């Protein structure tokens, strides 16, 4: 089972090779495969009771290593090298991405008791995906990346669409729709019609902002 999790690191290497050659759609394809592995390894490990069977191997530590490479390191390179940022900001922001994310991964408060993420959850693979999808002006792209780095340390809550119990069926349906639309976008090398872009953007806004809206609308006790 741990080999299956570690496979994500190998997939990350393939993603990095694609990124180095500027094959961005291929890179996101590999990162999507790594995301699938990450989504499956936990349930399978719990099903097989891997903690008891292999007590000398830390699945949590392995998962953190692979997640950092696939969620942060490879996407950070893509964001730096893609030309989507102001050239004089790209290196500094790339370093900011990996440093802030390393601190976030080490923060024991990164998840709340009800399975929300605290702060921007270092989902730089998703951030990179949306930068490639929306292609903002470089100055806007740089400001977005800077804002996300800062938001890593701001204690707002972002839902985990699988583990948060509130509206789980809706969340899972949106994740499934997002996955289908993302695959279509990658296959078309980001040349998709505006309804696909709008749908993908709306899902992202929901994931990031749903908890904040609920807290604003929730009457005080």
N, C-alpha and C. Protein backbone atom coordinates (compact mmCIF):
# COMPACT_ATOMS: atom_id res chain seq x y z
N UNK A 1 0.82 -1.20 0.00
CA UNK A 1 0.00 0.00 0.00
C UNK A 1 0.86 1.25 0.00
N UNK A 2 1.94 1.25 0.79
CA UNK A 2 2.83 2.40 0.82
C UNK A 2 3.49 2.62 -0.54
N UNK A 3 3.70 1.53 -1.27
CA UNK A 3 4.27 1.66 -2.62
C UNK A 3 3.29 2.43 -3.51
N UNK A 4 2.01 2.17 -3.36
CA UNK A 4 1.00 2.87 -4.13
C UNK A 4 1.04 4.37 -3.82
N UNK A 5 1.16 4.72 -2.53
CA UNK A 5 1.26 6.13 -2.15
C UNK A 5 2.53 6.75 -2.72
N UNK A 6 3.66 6.02 -2.59
CA UNK A 6 4.94 6.54 -3.08
C UNK A 6 4.95 6.69 -4.59
N UNK A 7 4.06 5.98 -5.28
CA UNK A 7 3.96 6.12 -6.73
C UNK A 7 3.67 7.56 -7.12
N UNK A 8 3.01 8.29 -6.21
CA UNK A 8 2.73 9.69 -6.47
C UNK A 8 3.99 10.50 -6.69
N UNK A 9 5.08 10.14 -6.00
CA UNK A 9 6.34 10.86 -6.19
C UNK A 9 6.90 10.61 -7.59
N UNK A 10 6.77 9.38 -8.06
CA UNK A 10 7.20 9.08 -9.42
C UNK A 10 6.38 9.83 -10.45
N UNK A 11 5.08 9.92 -10.21
CA UNK A 11 4.21 10.67 -11.12
C UNK A 11 4.59 12.15 -11.10
N UNK A 12 4.97 12.65 -9.92
CA UNK A 12 5.40 14.04 -9.82
C UNK A 12 6.64 14.31 -10.66
N UNK A 13 7.54 13.34 -10.70
CA UNK A 13 8.75 13.49 -11.52
C UNK A 13 8.37 13.60 -13.00
N UNK A 14 7.43 12.77 -13.44
CA UNK A 14 6.97 12.85 -14.83
C UNK A 14 6.31 14.20 -15.11
N UNK A 15 5.56 14.70 -14.11
CA UNK A 15 4.94 16.02 -14.26
C UNK A 15 6.00 17.11 -14.38
N UNK A 16 7.04 17.00 -13.58
CA UNK A 16 8.11 17.99 -13.63
C UNK A 16 8.83 17.96 -14.99
N UNK A 17 9.07 16.76 -15.50
CA UNK A 17 9.71 16.64 -16.81
C UNK A 17 8.86 17.31 -17.89
N UNK A 18 7.54 17.12 -17.82
CA UNK A 18 6.65 17.76 -18.79
C UNK A 18 6.71 19.28 -18.63
N UNK A 19 6.75 19.74 -17.38
CA UNK A 19 6.80 21.18 -17.13
C UNK A 19 8.09 21.80 -17.65
N UNK A 20 9.19 21.13 -17.44
CA UNK A 20 10.49 21.64 -17.90
C UNK A 20 10.48 21.84 -19.40
N UNK A 21 9.78 20.98 -20.11
CA UNK A 21 9.70 21.10 -21.57
C UNK A 21 8.53 21.97 -22.03
N UNK A 22 7.84 22.59 -21.08
CA UNK A 22 6.74 23.48 -21.43
C UNK A 22 5.49 22.78 -21.91
N UNK A 23 5.36 21.49 -21.60
CA UNK A 23 4.17 20.74 -21.98
C UNK A 23 3.16 20.82 -20.82
N UNK A 24 2.51 21.96 -20.72
CA UNK A 24 1.71 22.25 -19.53
C UNK A 24 0.50 21.33 -19.39
N UNK A 25 -0.18 21.05 -20.49
CA UNK A 25 -1.34 20.15 -20.39
C UNK A 25 -0.92 18.78 -19.90
N UNK A 26 0.21 18.28 -20.41
CA UNK A 26 0.71 16.98 -19.94
C UNK A 26 1.06 17.03 -18.47
N UNK A 27 1.66 18.14 -18.06
CA UNK A 27 1.99 18.29 -16.64
C UNK A 27 0.74 18.18 -15.77
N UNK A 28 -0.31 18.91 -16.17
CA UNK A 28 -1.54 18.86 -15.38
C UNK A 28 -2.19 17.48 -15.45
N UNK A 29 -2.01 16.79 -16.56
CA UNK A 29 -2.51 15.42 -16.65
C UNK A 29 -1.84 14.52 -15.63
N UNK A 30 -0.52 14.62 -15.52
CA UNK A 30 0.20 13.83 -14.51
C UNK A 30 -0.19 14.24 -13.10
N UNK A 31 -0.32 15.54 -12.87
CA UNK A 31 -0.73 15.99 -11.53
C UNK A 31 -2.14 15.51 -11.20
N UNK A 32 -2.99 15.44 -12.21
CA UNK A 32 -4.33 14.90 -11.99
C UNK A 32 -4.29 13.44 -11.61
N UNK A 33 -3.40 12.68 -12.24
CA UNK A 33 -3.24 11.27 -11.88
C UNK A 33 -2.72 11.15 -10.45
N UNK A 34 -1.78 12.01 -10.09
CA UNK A 34 -1.27 12.01 -8.71
C UNK A 34 -2.38 12.33 -7.72
N UNK A 35 -3.27 13.24 -8.11
CA UNK A 35 -4.41 13.59 -7.26
C UNK A 35 -5.33 12.39 -7.06
N UNK A 36 -5.51 11.61 -8.11
CA UNK A 36 -6.32 10.40 -8.01
C UNK A 36 -5.68 9.39 -7.06
N UNK A 37 -4.38 9.21 -7.18
CA UNK A 37 -3.67 8.30 -6.26
C UNK A 37 -3.83 8.77 -4.83
N UNK A 38 -3.71 10.09 -4.61
CA UNK A 38 -3.84 10.65 -3.26
C UNK A 38 -5.24 10.44 -2.70
N UNK A 39 -6.23 10.49 -3.58
CA UNK A 39 -7.60 10.30 -3.12
C UNK A 39 -7.93 8.86 -2.79
N UNK A 40 -7.21 7.92 -3.41
CA UNK A 40 -7.52 6.50 -3.22
C UNK A 40 -6.69 5.85 -2.12
N UNK A 41 -5.47 6.36 -1.88
CA UNK A 41 -4.58 5.61 -0.99
C UNK A 41 -5.07 5.58 0.45
N UNK A 42 -5.68 6.68 0.92
CA UNK A 42 -6.16 6.71 2.30
C UNK A 42 -7.25 5.69 2.57
N UNK A 43 -8.35 5.71 1.80
CA UNK A 43 -9.42 4.72 2.02
C UNK A 43 -8.93 3.28 1.89
N UNK A 44 -8.03 3.03 0.92
CA UNK A 44 -7.52 1.66 0.75
C UNK A 44 -6.67 1.27 1.95
N UNK A 45 -5.85 2.20 2.44
CA UNK A 45 -4.99 1.91 3.60
C UNK A 45 -5.83 1.60 4.83
N UNK A 46 -6.90 2.37 5.02
CA UNK A 46 -7.77 2.11 6.17
C UNK A 46 -8.49 0.78 6.01
N UNK A 47 -8.88 0.46 4.80
CA UNK A 47 -9.56 -0.80 4.53
C UNK A 47 -8.66 -1.99 4.85
N UNK A 48 -7.37 -1.86 4.50
CA UNK A 48 -6.41 -2.95 4.70
C UNK A 48 -5.74 -2.89 6.07
N UNK A 49 -6.09 -1.88 6.88
CA UNK A 49 -5.51 -1.71 8.21
C UNK A 49 -3.98 -1.70 8.15
N UNK A 50 -3.46 -0.83 7.26
CA UNK A 50 -2.02 -0.79 7.01
C UNK A 50 -1.25 -0.36 8.25
N UNK A 51 -1.83 0.48 9.08
CA UNK A 51 -1.14 0.93 10.30
C UNK A 51 -0.76 -0.26 11.18
N UNK A 52 -1.65 -1.24 11.25
CA UNK A 52 -1.37 -2.42 12.07
C UNK A 52 -0.44 -3.39 11.35
N UNK A 53 -0.64 -3.56 10.06
CA UNK A 53 0.14 -4.54 9.29
C UNK A 53 1.58 -4.08 9.11
N UNK A 54 1.80 -2.77 8.89
CA UNK A 54 3.14 -2.22 8.66
C UNK A 54 3.41 -1.10 9.66
N UNK A 55 3.57 -1.42 10.93
CA UNK A 55 3.70 -0.38 11.95
C UNK A 55 5.00 0.42 11.87
N UNK A 56 6.02 -0.09 11.19
CA UNK A 56 7.30 0.63 11.11
C UNK A 56 7.34 1.67 10.00
N UNK A 57 6.31 1.75 9.20
CA UNK A 57 6.27 2.70 8.09
C UNK A 57 5.17 3.72 8.37
N UNK A 58 5.53 5.00 8.30
CA UNK A 58 4.57 6.06 8.58
C UNK A 58 3.88 6.50 7.30
N UNK A 59 2.64 6.11 7.17
CA UNK A 59 1.87 6.53 6.01
C UNK A 59 1.65 8.03 5.99
N UNK A 60 1.48 8.64 7.18
CA UNK A 60 1.27 10.08 7.25
C UNK A 60 2.49 10.84 6.74
N UNK A 61 3.68 10.42 7.17
CA UNK A 61 4.91 11.08 6.72
C UNK A 61 5.09 10.93 5.22
N UNK A 62 4.84 9.72 4.72
CA UNK A 62 4.96 9.47 3.28
C UNK A 62 3.97 10.32 2.50
N UNK A 63 2.77 10.42 3.02
CA UNK A 63 1.74 11.20 2.34
C UNK A 63 2.13 12.67 2.28
N UNK A 64 2.70 13.20 3.36
CA UNK A 64 3.12 14.60 3.39
C UNK A 64 4.22 14.87 2.35
N UNK A 65 5.16 13.93 2.25
CA UNK A 65 6.26 14.09 1.28
C UNK A 65 5.70 14.16 -0.13
N UNK A 66 4.86 13.20 -0.47
CA UNK A 66 4.30 13.14 -1.83
C UNK A 66 3.40 14.34 -2.09
N UNK A 67 2.59 14.70 -1.10
CA UNK A 67 1.69 15.84 -1.28
C UNK A 67 2.47 17.13 -1.53
N UNK A 68 3.57 17.32 -0.81
CA UNK A 68 4.33 18.55 -0.99
C UNK A 68 4.89 18.64 -2.41
N UNK A 69 5.34 17.51 -2.93
CA UNK A 69 5.88 17.53 -4.29
C UNK A 69 4.79 17.80 -5.33
N UNK A 70 3.65 17.15 -5.16
CA UNK A 70 2.61 17.23 -6.19
C UNK A 70 1.71 18.46 -6.04
N UNK A 71 1.44 18.86 -4.81
CA UNK A 71 0.55 20.00 -4.59
C UNK A 71 1.31 21.33 -4.61
N UNK A 72 2.61 21.29 -4.33
CA UNK A 72 3.35 22.54 -4.15
C UNK A 72 4.53 22.67 -5.10
N UNK A 73 5.47 21.74 -5.05
CA UNK A 73 6.77 21.96 -5.70
C UNK A 73 6.66 22.03 -7.23
N UNK A 74 6.03 21.03 -7.81
CA UNK A 74 5.88 21.04 -9.28
C UNK A 74 5.02 22.22 -9.73
N UNK A 75 3.86 22.47 -9.11
CA UNK A 75 3.07 23.64 -9.51
C UNK A 75 3.82 24.96 -9.33
N UNK A 76 4.64 25.07 -8.28
CA UNK A 76 5.40 26.30 -8.06
C UNK A 76 6.34 26.55 -9.23
N UNK A 77 6.98 25.49 -9.70
CA UNK A 77 7.85 25.64 -10.88
C UNK A 77 7.04 26.10 -12.09
N UNK A 78 5.88 25.49 -12.29
CA UNK A 78 5.04 25.85 -13.44
C UNK A 78 4.62 27.31 -13.37
N UNK A 79 4.23 27.76 -12.19
CA UNK A 79 3.81 29.15 -12.04
C UNK A 79 4.98 30.09 -12.33
N UNK A 80 6.18 29.73 -11.85
CA UNK A 80 7.36 30.55 -12.09
C UNK A 80 7.74 30.61 -13.56
N UNK A 81 7.70 29.48 -14.23
CA UNK A 81 8.27 29.36 -15.57
C UNK A 81 7.28 29.61 -16.70
N UNK A 82 6.02 29.80 -16.37
CA UNK A 82 4.98 29.85 -17.40
C UNK A 82 4.88 31.19 -18.11
N UNK A 83 5.46 32.23 -17.53
CA UNK A 83 5.29 33.57 -18.09
C UNK A 83 4.00 34.23 -17.68
N UNK A 84 3.28 33.64 -16.75
CA UNK A 84 2.01 34.19 -16.29
C UNK A 84 2.19 35.26 -15.21
N UNK A 85 3.43 35.42 -14.70
CA UNK A 85 3.71 36.42 -13.68
C UNK A 85 4.62 37.50 -14.25
N UNK A 86 4.69 38.62 -13.56
CA UNK A 86 5.68 39.62 -13.92
C UNK A 86 7.06 39.00 -13.77
N UNK A 87 7.92 39.12 -14.77
CA UNK A 87 9.22 38.42 -14.73
C UNK A 87 10.03 38.71 -13.48
N UNK A 88 10.02 39.96 -13.02
CA UNK A 88 10.85 40.30 -11.86
C UNK A 88 10.27 39.81 -10.54
N UNK A 89 9.03 39.30 -10.58
CA UNK A 89 8.42 38.76 -9.35
C UNK A 89 8.43 37.24 -9.32
N UNK A 90 8.66 36.60 -10.47
CA UNK A 90 8.44 35.15 -10.58
C UNK A 90 9.28 34.35 -9.60
N UNK A 91 10.57 34.62 -9.53
CA UNK A 91 11.44 33.84 -8.66
C UNK A 91 11.07 34.04 -7.20
N UNK A 92 10.89 35.29 -6.79
CA UNK A 92 10.55 35.58 -5.39
C UNK A 92 9.23 34.93 -5.00
N UNK A 93 8.25 34.99 -5.89
CA UNK A 93 6.95 34.39 -5.57
C UNK A 93 7.04 32.87 -5.56
N UNK A 94 7.84 32.29 -6.45
CA UNK A 94 8.04 30.85 -6.43
C UNK A 94 8.64 30.39 -5.12
N UNK A 95 9.66 31.11 -4.66
CA UNK A 95 10.26 30.79 -3.36
C UNK A 95 9.23 30.97 -2.24
N UNK A 96 8.44 32.04 -2.35
CA UNK A 96 7.40 32.28 -1.34
C UNK A 96 6.39 31.15 -1.28
N UNK A 97 6.05 30.60 -2.45
CA UNK A 97 5.10 29.48 -2.49
C UNK A 97 5.63 28.28 -1.71
N UNK A 98 6.87 27.87 -2.01
CA UNK A 98 7.38 26.64 -1.39
C UNK A 98 7.68 26.85 0.09
N UNK A 99 8.16 28.04 0.48
CA UNK A 99 8.47 28.29 1.89
C UNK A 99 7.19 28.37 2.72
N UNK A 100 6.20 29.13 2.24
CA UNK A 100 4.94 29.26 2.98
C UNK A 100 4.23 27.91 3.08
N UNK A 101 4.30 27.13 2.02
CA UNK A 101 3.64 25.82 2.02
C UNK A 101 4.34 24.84 2.95
N UNK A 102 5.68 24.91 3.00
CA UNK A 102 6.41 24.04 3.93
C UNK A 102 6.00 24.35 5.37
N UNK A 103 5.86 25.64 5.68
CA UNK A 103 5.41 26.02 7.02
C UNK A 103 3.98 25.56 7.26
N UNK A 104 3.14 25.65 6.24
CA UNK A 104 1.75 25.23 6.38
C UNK A 104 1.65 23.73 6.64
N UNK A 105 2.43 22.95 5.91
CA UNK A 105 2.41 21.50 6.10
C UNK A 105 2.88 21.11 7.50
N UNK A 106 3.73 21.94 8.10
CA UNK A 106 4.24 21.63 9.43
C UNK A 106 3.32 22.12 10.55
N UNK A 107 2.31 22.89 10.20
CA UNK A 107 1.41 23.48 11.19
C UNK A 107 0.37 22.45 11.63
N UNK A 108 0.39 22.11 12.90
CA UNK A 108 -0.56 21.12 13.43
C UNK A 108 -1.99 21.63 13.44
N UNK A 109 -2.16 22.93 13.22
CA UNK A 109 -3.51 23.53 13.21
C UNK A 109 -4.06 23.66 11.79
N UNK A 110 -3.42 23.03 10.82
CA UNK A 110 -3.82 23.21 9.42
C UNK A 110 -5.24 22.74 9.15
N UNK A 111 -5.75 21.81 9.97
CA UNK A 111 -7.13 21.36 9.82
C UNK A 111 -7.87 21.59 11.13
N UNK A 112 -9.13 21.99 11.00
CA UNK A 112 -9.97 22.21 12.18
C UNK A 112 -10.60 20.88 12.61
N UNK A 113 -11.27 20.91 13.75
CA UNK A 113 -11.89 19.70 14.28
C UNK A 113 -12.99 19.19 13.35
N UNK A 114 -13.62 20.09 12.59
CA UNK A 114 -14.70 19.65 11.68
C UNK A 114 -14.20 19.51 10.24
N UNK A 115 -12.89 19.29 10.10
CA UNK A 115 -12.27 18.92 8.82
C UNK A 115 -12.27 20.04 7.78
N UNK A 116 -12.25 21.29 8.24
CA UNK A 116 -11.98 22.40 7.34
C UNK A 116 -10.48 22.67 7.34
N UNK A 117 -9.99 23.21 6.25
CA UNK A 117 -8.62 23.71 6.23
C UNK A 117 -8.60 25.10 6.86
N UNK A 118 -7.55 25.41 7.59
CA UNK A 118 -7.39 26.75 8.16
C UNK A 118 -6.40 27.52 7.29
N UNK A 119 -6.88 28.57 6.63
CA UNK A 119 -6.05 29.31 5.71
C UNK A 119 -6.07 28.69 4.32
N UNK A 120 -5.40 29.36 3.37
CA UNK A 120 -5.30 28.77 2.03
C UNK A 120 -4.52 27.47 2.15
N UNK A 121 -5.10 26.34 1.73
CA UNK A 121 -4.52 25.03 2.05
C UNK A 121 -3.41 24.55 1.12
N UNK A 122 -2.59 25.47 0.62
CA UNK A 122 -1.43 25.11 -0.20
C UNK A 122 -1.82 24.25 -1.41
N UNK A 123 -2.98 24.51 -1.97
CA UNK A 123 -3.42 23.79 -3.17
C UNK A 123 -2.89 24.52 -4.40
N UNK A 124 -1.57 24.51 -4.52
CA UNK A 124 -0.97 25.26 -5.63
C UNK A 124 -1.15 24.57 -6.97
N UNK A 125 -1.45 23.28 -6.96
CA UNK A 125 -1.80 22.63 -8.23
C UNK A 125 -3.10 23.22 -8.77
N UNK A 126 -4.06 23.47 -7.87
CA UNK A 126 -5.31 24.10 -8.29
C UNK A 126 -5.09 25.55 -8.67
N UNK A 127 -4.28 26.27 -7.89
CA UNK A 127 -4.00 27.68 -8.20
C UNK A 127 -3.34 27.80 -9.57
N UNK A 128 -2.38 26.92 -9.85
CA UNK A 128 -1.72 26.94 -11.15
C UNK A 128 -2.72 26.63 -12.26
N UNK A 129 -3.59 25.65 -12.02
CA UNK A 129 -4.61 25.29 -13.02
C UNK A 129 -5.45 26.50 -13.39
N UNK A 130 -5.89 27.27 -12.39
CA UNK A 130 -6.74 28.41 -12.68
C UNK A 130 -5.97 29.56 -13.32
N UNK A 131 -4.70 29.71 -12.99
CA UNK A 131 -3.90 30.71 -13.67
C UNK A 131 -3.78 30.39 -15.16
N UNK A 132 -3.55 29.11 -15.47
CA UNK A 132 -3.46 28.70 -16.88
C UNK A 132 -4.82 28.81 -17.57
N UNK A 133 -5.89 28.57 -16.82
CA UNK A 133 -7.22 28.64 -17.40
C UNK A 133 -7.64 30.08 -17.68
N UNK A 134 -7.44 30.96 -16.72
CA UNK A 134 -7.93 32.34 -16.83
C UNK A 134 -6.94 33.27 -17.52
N UNK A 135 -5.66 32.92 -17.46
CA UNK A 135 -4.60 33.71 -18.10
C UNK A 135 -4.74 35.20 -17.78
N UNK A 136 -4.67 35.58 -16.52
CA UNK A 136 -4.77 37.01 -16.19
C UNK A 136 -3.53 37.77 -16.65
N UNK A 137 -3.62 39.07 -16.66
CA UNK A 137 -2.44 39.88 -16.94
C UNK A 137 -1.34 39.54 -15.93
N UNK A 138 -0.08 39.58 -16.34
CA UNK A 138 1.00 39.20 -15.41
C UNK A 138 0.95 39.93 -14.08
N UNK A 139 0.61 41.22 -14.10
CA UNK A 139 0.55 41.95 -12.83
C UNK A 139 -0.56 41.39 -11.95
N UNK A 140 -1.68 41.02 -12.56
CA UNK A 140 -2.78 40.43 -11.80
C UNK A 140 -2.39 39.04 -11.29
N UNK A 141 -1.73 38.24 -12.14
CA UNK A 141 -1.28 36.92 -11.72
C UNK A 141 -0.33 37.00 -10.54
N UNK A 142 0.59 37.97 -10.57
CA UNK A 142 1.54 38.13 -9.47
C UNK A 142 0.82 38.52 -8.19
N UNK A 143 -0.16 39.41 -8.29
CA UNK A 143 -0.91 39.83 -7.11
C UNK A 143 -1.74 38.68 -6.54
N UNK A 144 -2.30 37.85 -7.42
CA UNK A 144 -3.08 36.69 -6.96
C UNK A 144 -2.19 35.73 -6.19
N UNK A 145 -1.02 35.43 -6.73
CA UNK A 145 -0.10 34.51 -6.06
C UNK A 145 0.34 35.09 -4.72
N UNK A 146 0.67 36.38 -4.69
CA UNK A 146 1.06 37.02 -3.43
C UNK A 146 -0.07 36.94 -2.41
N UNK A 147 -1.29 37.18 -2.85
CA UNK A 147 -2.44 37.12 -1.95
C UNK A 147 -2.62 35.72 -1.38
N UNK A 148 -2.46 34.69 -2.21
CA UNK A 148 -2.61 33.32 -1.73
C UNK A 148 -1.51 32.95 -0.73
N UNK A 149 -0.30 33.44 -0.96
CA UNK A 149 0.78 33.20 0.00
C UNK A 149 0.41 33.80 1.36
N UNK A 150 -0.09 35.03 1.35
CA UNK A 150 -0.49 35.69 2.59
C UNK A 150 -1.65 34.95 3.24
N UNK A 151 -2.63 34.54 2.42
CA UNK A 151 -3.82 33.86 2.95
C UNK A 151 -3.50 32.49 3.56
N UNK A 152 -2.32 31.96 3.25
CA UNK A 152 -1.90 30.71 3.89
C UNK A 152 -1.90 30.86 5.41
N UNK A 153 -1.64 32.05 5.89
CA UNK A 153 -1.50 32.28 7.33
C UNK A 153 -2.68 33.04 7.93
N UNK A 154 -3.74 33.22 7.14
CA UNK A 154 -4.94 33.89 7.64
C UNK A 154 -5.94 32.83 8.09
N UNK A 155 -6.46 32.92 9.31
CA UNK A 155 -7.29 31.82 9.86
C UNK A 155 -8.73 31.81 9.36
N UNK A 156 -8.95 31.86 8.05
CA UNK A 156 -10.29 31.61 7.53
C UNK A 156 -10.38 30.12 7.18
N UNK A 157 -11.60 29.61 7.01
CA UNK A 157 -11.80 28.19 6.81
C UNK A 157 -12.18 27.87 5.36
N UNK A 158 -11.56 26.83 4.84
CA UNK A 158 -11.86 26.32 3.50
C UNK A 158 -12.35 24.89 3.65
N UNK A 159 -13.47 24.57 3.03
CA UNK A 159 -14.03 23.23 3.23
C UNK A 159 -13.16 22.17 2.55
N UNK A 160 -13.07 21.03 3.21
CA UNK A 160 -12.54 19.83 2.56
C UNK A 160 -13.74 19.15 1.92
N UNK A 161 -13.84 19.15 0.60
CA UNK A 161 -15.08 18.72 -0.06
C UNK A 161 -15.45 17.26 0.18
N UNK A 162 -14.51 16.46 0.65
CA UNK A 162 -14.79 15.05 0.89
C UNK A 162 -15.08 14.79 2.37
N UNK A 163 -14.33 15.43 3.26
CA UNK A 163 -14.42 15.09 4.68
C UNK A 163 -15.38 15.95 5.48
N UNK A 164 -15.70 17.14 5.01
CA UNK A 164 -16.66 17.98 5.73
C UNK A 164 -18.06 17.38 5.58
N UNK A 165 -18.75 17.20 6.69
CA UNK A 165 -20.04 16.50 6.65
C UNK A 165 -21.17 17.38 6.13
N UNK A 166 -21.10 18.69 6.40
CA UNK A 166 -22.18 19.57 5.94
C UNK A 166 -22.24 19.59 4.42
N UNK A 167 -23.41 19.29 3.88
CA UNK A 167 -23.66 19.32 2.43
C UNK A 167 -22.69 18.41 1.67
N UNK A 168 -22.37 17.25 2.26
CA UNK A 168 -21.36 16.37 1.64
C UNK A 168 -21.79 15.92 0.25
N UNK A 169 -23.07 15.58 0.07
CA UNK A 169 -23.51 15.11 -1.24
C UNK A 169 -23.33 16.19 -2.30
N UNK A 170 -23.67 17.41 -1.96
CA UNK A 170 -23.46 18.52 -2.89
C UNK A 170 -21.97 18.69 -3.18
N UNK A 171 -21.17 18.64 -2.12
CA UNK A 171 -19.73 18.83 -2.29
C UNK A 171 -19.13 17.76 -3.20
N UNK A 172 -19.53 16.51 -2.98
CA UNK A 172 -19.00 15.42 -3.79
C UNK A 172 -19.46 15.54 -5.24
N UNK A 173 -20.71 15.97 -5.44
CA UNK A 173 -21.22 16.15 -6.80
C UNK A 173 -20.43 17.25 -7.51
N UNK A 174 -20.12 18.32 -6.80
CA UNK A 174 -19.35 19.40 -7.40
C UNK A 174 -17.92 18.97 -7.71
N UNK A 175 -17.34 18.16 -6.82
CA UNK A 175 -16.00 17.64 -7.07
C UNK A 175 -15.99 16.77 -8.32
N UNK A 176 -17.02 15.93 -8.47
CA UNK A 176 -17.11 15.07 -9.64
C UNK A 176 -17.26 15.90 -10.91
N UNK A 177 -18.11 16.92 -10.86
CA UNK A 177 -18.29 17.80 -12.02
C UNK A 177 -16.99 18.53 -12.34
N UNK A 178 -16.32 19.01 -11.29
CA UNK A 178 -15.05 19.71 -11.49
C UNK A 178 -14.04 18.80 -12.16
N UNK A 179 -13.97 17.54 -11.72
CA UNK A 179 -13.01 16.59 -12.29
C UNK A 179 -13.26 16.38 -13.78
N UNK A 180 -14.53 16.22 -14.15
CA UNK A 180 -14.87 16.02 -15.56
C UNK A 180 -14.48 17.24 -16.39
N UNK A 181 -14.84 18.42 -15.88
CA UNK A 181 -14.53 19.65 -16.62
C UNK A 181 -13.02 19.90 -16.68
N UNK A 182 -12.32 19.54 -15.62
CA UNK A 182 -10.86 19.72 -15.62
C UNK A 182 -10.20 18.80 -16.64
N UNK A 183 -10.67 17.57 -16.73
CA UNK A 183 -10.13 16.64 -17.72
C UNK A 183 -10.37 17.17 -19.13
N UNK A 184 -11.57 17.66 -19.38
CA UNK A 184 -11.89 18.24 -20.69
C UNK A 184 -10.96 19.42 -20.98
N UNK A 185 -10.74 20.25 -19.98
CA UNK A 185 -9.89 21.43 -20.15
C UNK A 185 -8.46 21.03 -20.49
N UNK A 186 -7.95 20.02 -19.80
CA UNK A 186 -6.58 19.57 -20.05
C UNK A 186 -6.46 18.95 -21.45
N UNK A 187 -7.45 18.14 -21.81
CA UNK A 187 -7.42 17.52 -23.14
C UNK A 187 -7.43 18.58 -24.23
N UNK A 188 -8.18 19.66 -24.00
CA UNK A 188 -8.26 20.74 -24.99
C UNK A 188 -7.16 21.78 -24.82
N UNK A 189 -6.20 21.48 -23.96
CA UNK A 189 -5.06 22.38 -23.72
C UNK A 189 -5.55 23.78 -23.32
N UNK A 190 -6.57 23.80 -22.46
CA UNK A 190 -7.13 25.02 -21.87
C UNK A 190 -7.90 25.89 -22.86
N UNK A 191 -8.10 25.40 -24.07
CA UNK A 191 -8.89 26.15 -25.06
C UNK A 191 -10.34 25.69 -24.99
N UNK A 192 -11.02 26.06 -23.90
CA UNK A 192 -12.39 25.62 -23.67
C UNK A 192 -13.35 26.79 -23.82
N UNK A 193 -14.62 26.46 -24.02
CA UNK A 193 -15.65 27.48 -24.14
C UNK A 193 -15.88 28.16 -22.80
N UNK A 194 -16.43 29.37 -22.85
CA UNK A 194 -16.59 30.15 -21.63
C UNK A 194 -17.50 29.48 -20.58
N UNK A 195 -18.55 28.70 -20.97
CA UNK A 195 -19.34 28.06 -19.91
C UNK A 195 -18.51 27.10 -19.04
N UNK A 196 -17.52 26.44 -19.64
CA UNK A 196 -16.65 25.55 -18.85
C UNK A 196 -15.82 26.36 -17.89
N UNK A 197 -15.28 27.47 -18.35
CA UNK A 197 -14.49 28.35 -17.49
C UNK A 197 -15.32 28.90 -16.35
N UNK A 198 -16.54 29.32 -16.66
CA UNK A 198 -17.43 29.86 -15.63
C UNK A 198 -17.77 28.80 -14.60
N UNK A 199 -18.08 27.58 -15.05
CA UNK A 199 -18.43 26.51 -14.13
C UNK A 199 -17.26 26.16 -13.21
N UNK A 200 -16.07 26.04 -13.79
CA UNK A 200 -14.89 25.73 -12.99
C UNK A 200 -14.61 26.83 -11.98
N UNK A 201 -14.77 28.07 -12.40
CA UNK A 201 -14.52 29.20 -11.49
C UNK A 201 -15.56 29.24 -10.38
N UNK A 202 -16.82 28.96 -10.71
CA UNK A 202 -17.88 28.98 -9.71
C UNK A 202 -17.65 27.90 -8.65
N UNK A 203 -17.22 26.74 -9.06
CA UNK A 203 -16.94 25.67 -8.10
C UNK A 203 -15.81 26.07 -7.17
N UNK A 204 -14.77 26.69 -7.72
CA UNK A 204 -13.65 27.14 -6.89
C UNK A 204 -14.10 28.18 -5.87
N UNK A 205 -14.93 29.12 -6.31
CA UNK A 205 -15.43 30.15 -5.41
C UNK A 205 -16.26 29.52 -4.30
N UNK A 206 -17.06 28.53 -4.65
CA UNK A 206 -17.87 27.83 -3.63
C UNK A 206 -16.97 27.14 -2.60
N UNK A 207 -15.97 26.41 -3.06
CA UNK A 207 -15.11 25.66 -2.16
C UNK A 207 -14.40 26.61 -1.19
N UNK A 208 -13.91 27.72 -1.72
CA UNK A 208 -13.15 28.65 -0.90
C UNK A 208 -14.06 29.50 -0.01
N UNK A 209 -15.22 29.89 -0.53
CA UNK A 209 -16.02 30.87 0.19
C UNK A 209 -17.25 30.37 0.90
N UNK A 210 -17.62 29.11 0.71
CA UNK A 210 -18.88 28.61 1.28
C UNK A 210 -18.93 28.74 2.79
N UNK A 211 -17.85 28.35 3.46
CA UNK A 211 -17.87 28.39 4.93
C UNK A 211 -17.96 29.82 5.44
N UNK A 212 -17.27 30.75 4.77
CA UNK A 212 -17.33 32.15 5.19
C UNK A 212 -18.74 32.70 5.07
N UNK A 213 -19.43 32.34 3.98
CA UNK A 213 -20.81 32.80 3.79
C UNK A 213 -21.72 32.21 4.86
N UNK A 214 -21.55 30.94 5.15
CA UNK A 214 -22.37 30.29 6.17
C UNK A 214 -22.19 30.96 7.52
N UNK A 215 -20.95 31.29 7.86
CA UNK A 215 -20.67 31.93 9.15
C UNK A 215 -21.27 33.33 9.21
N UNK A 216 -21.28 34.04 8.07
CA UNK A 216 -21.88 35.37 8.05
C UNK A 216 -23.40 35.31 8.22
N UNK A 217 -24.01 34.28 7.61
CA UNK A 217 -25.47 34.16 7.64
C UNK A 217 -25.98 33.48 8.91
N UNK A 218 -25.10 32.79 9.61
CA UNK A 218 -25.51 32.05 10.80
C UNK A 218 -25.88 33.03 11.91
N UNK A 219 -27.10 32.95 12.44
CA UNK A 219 -27.51 33.90 13.47
C UNK A 219 -26.69 33.71 14.76
N UNK A 220 -26.34 34.79 15.45
CA UNK A 220 -25.58 34.65 16.71
C UNK A 220 -26.39 33.96 17.77
N UNK A 221 -25.71 33.20 18.60
CA UNK A 221 -26.42 32.50 19.69
C UNK A 221 -26.56 33.40 20.91
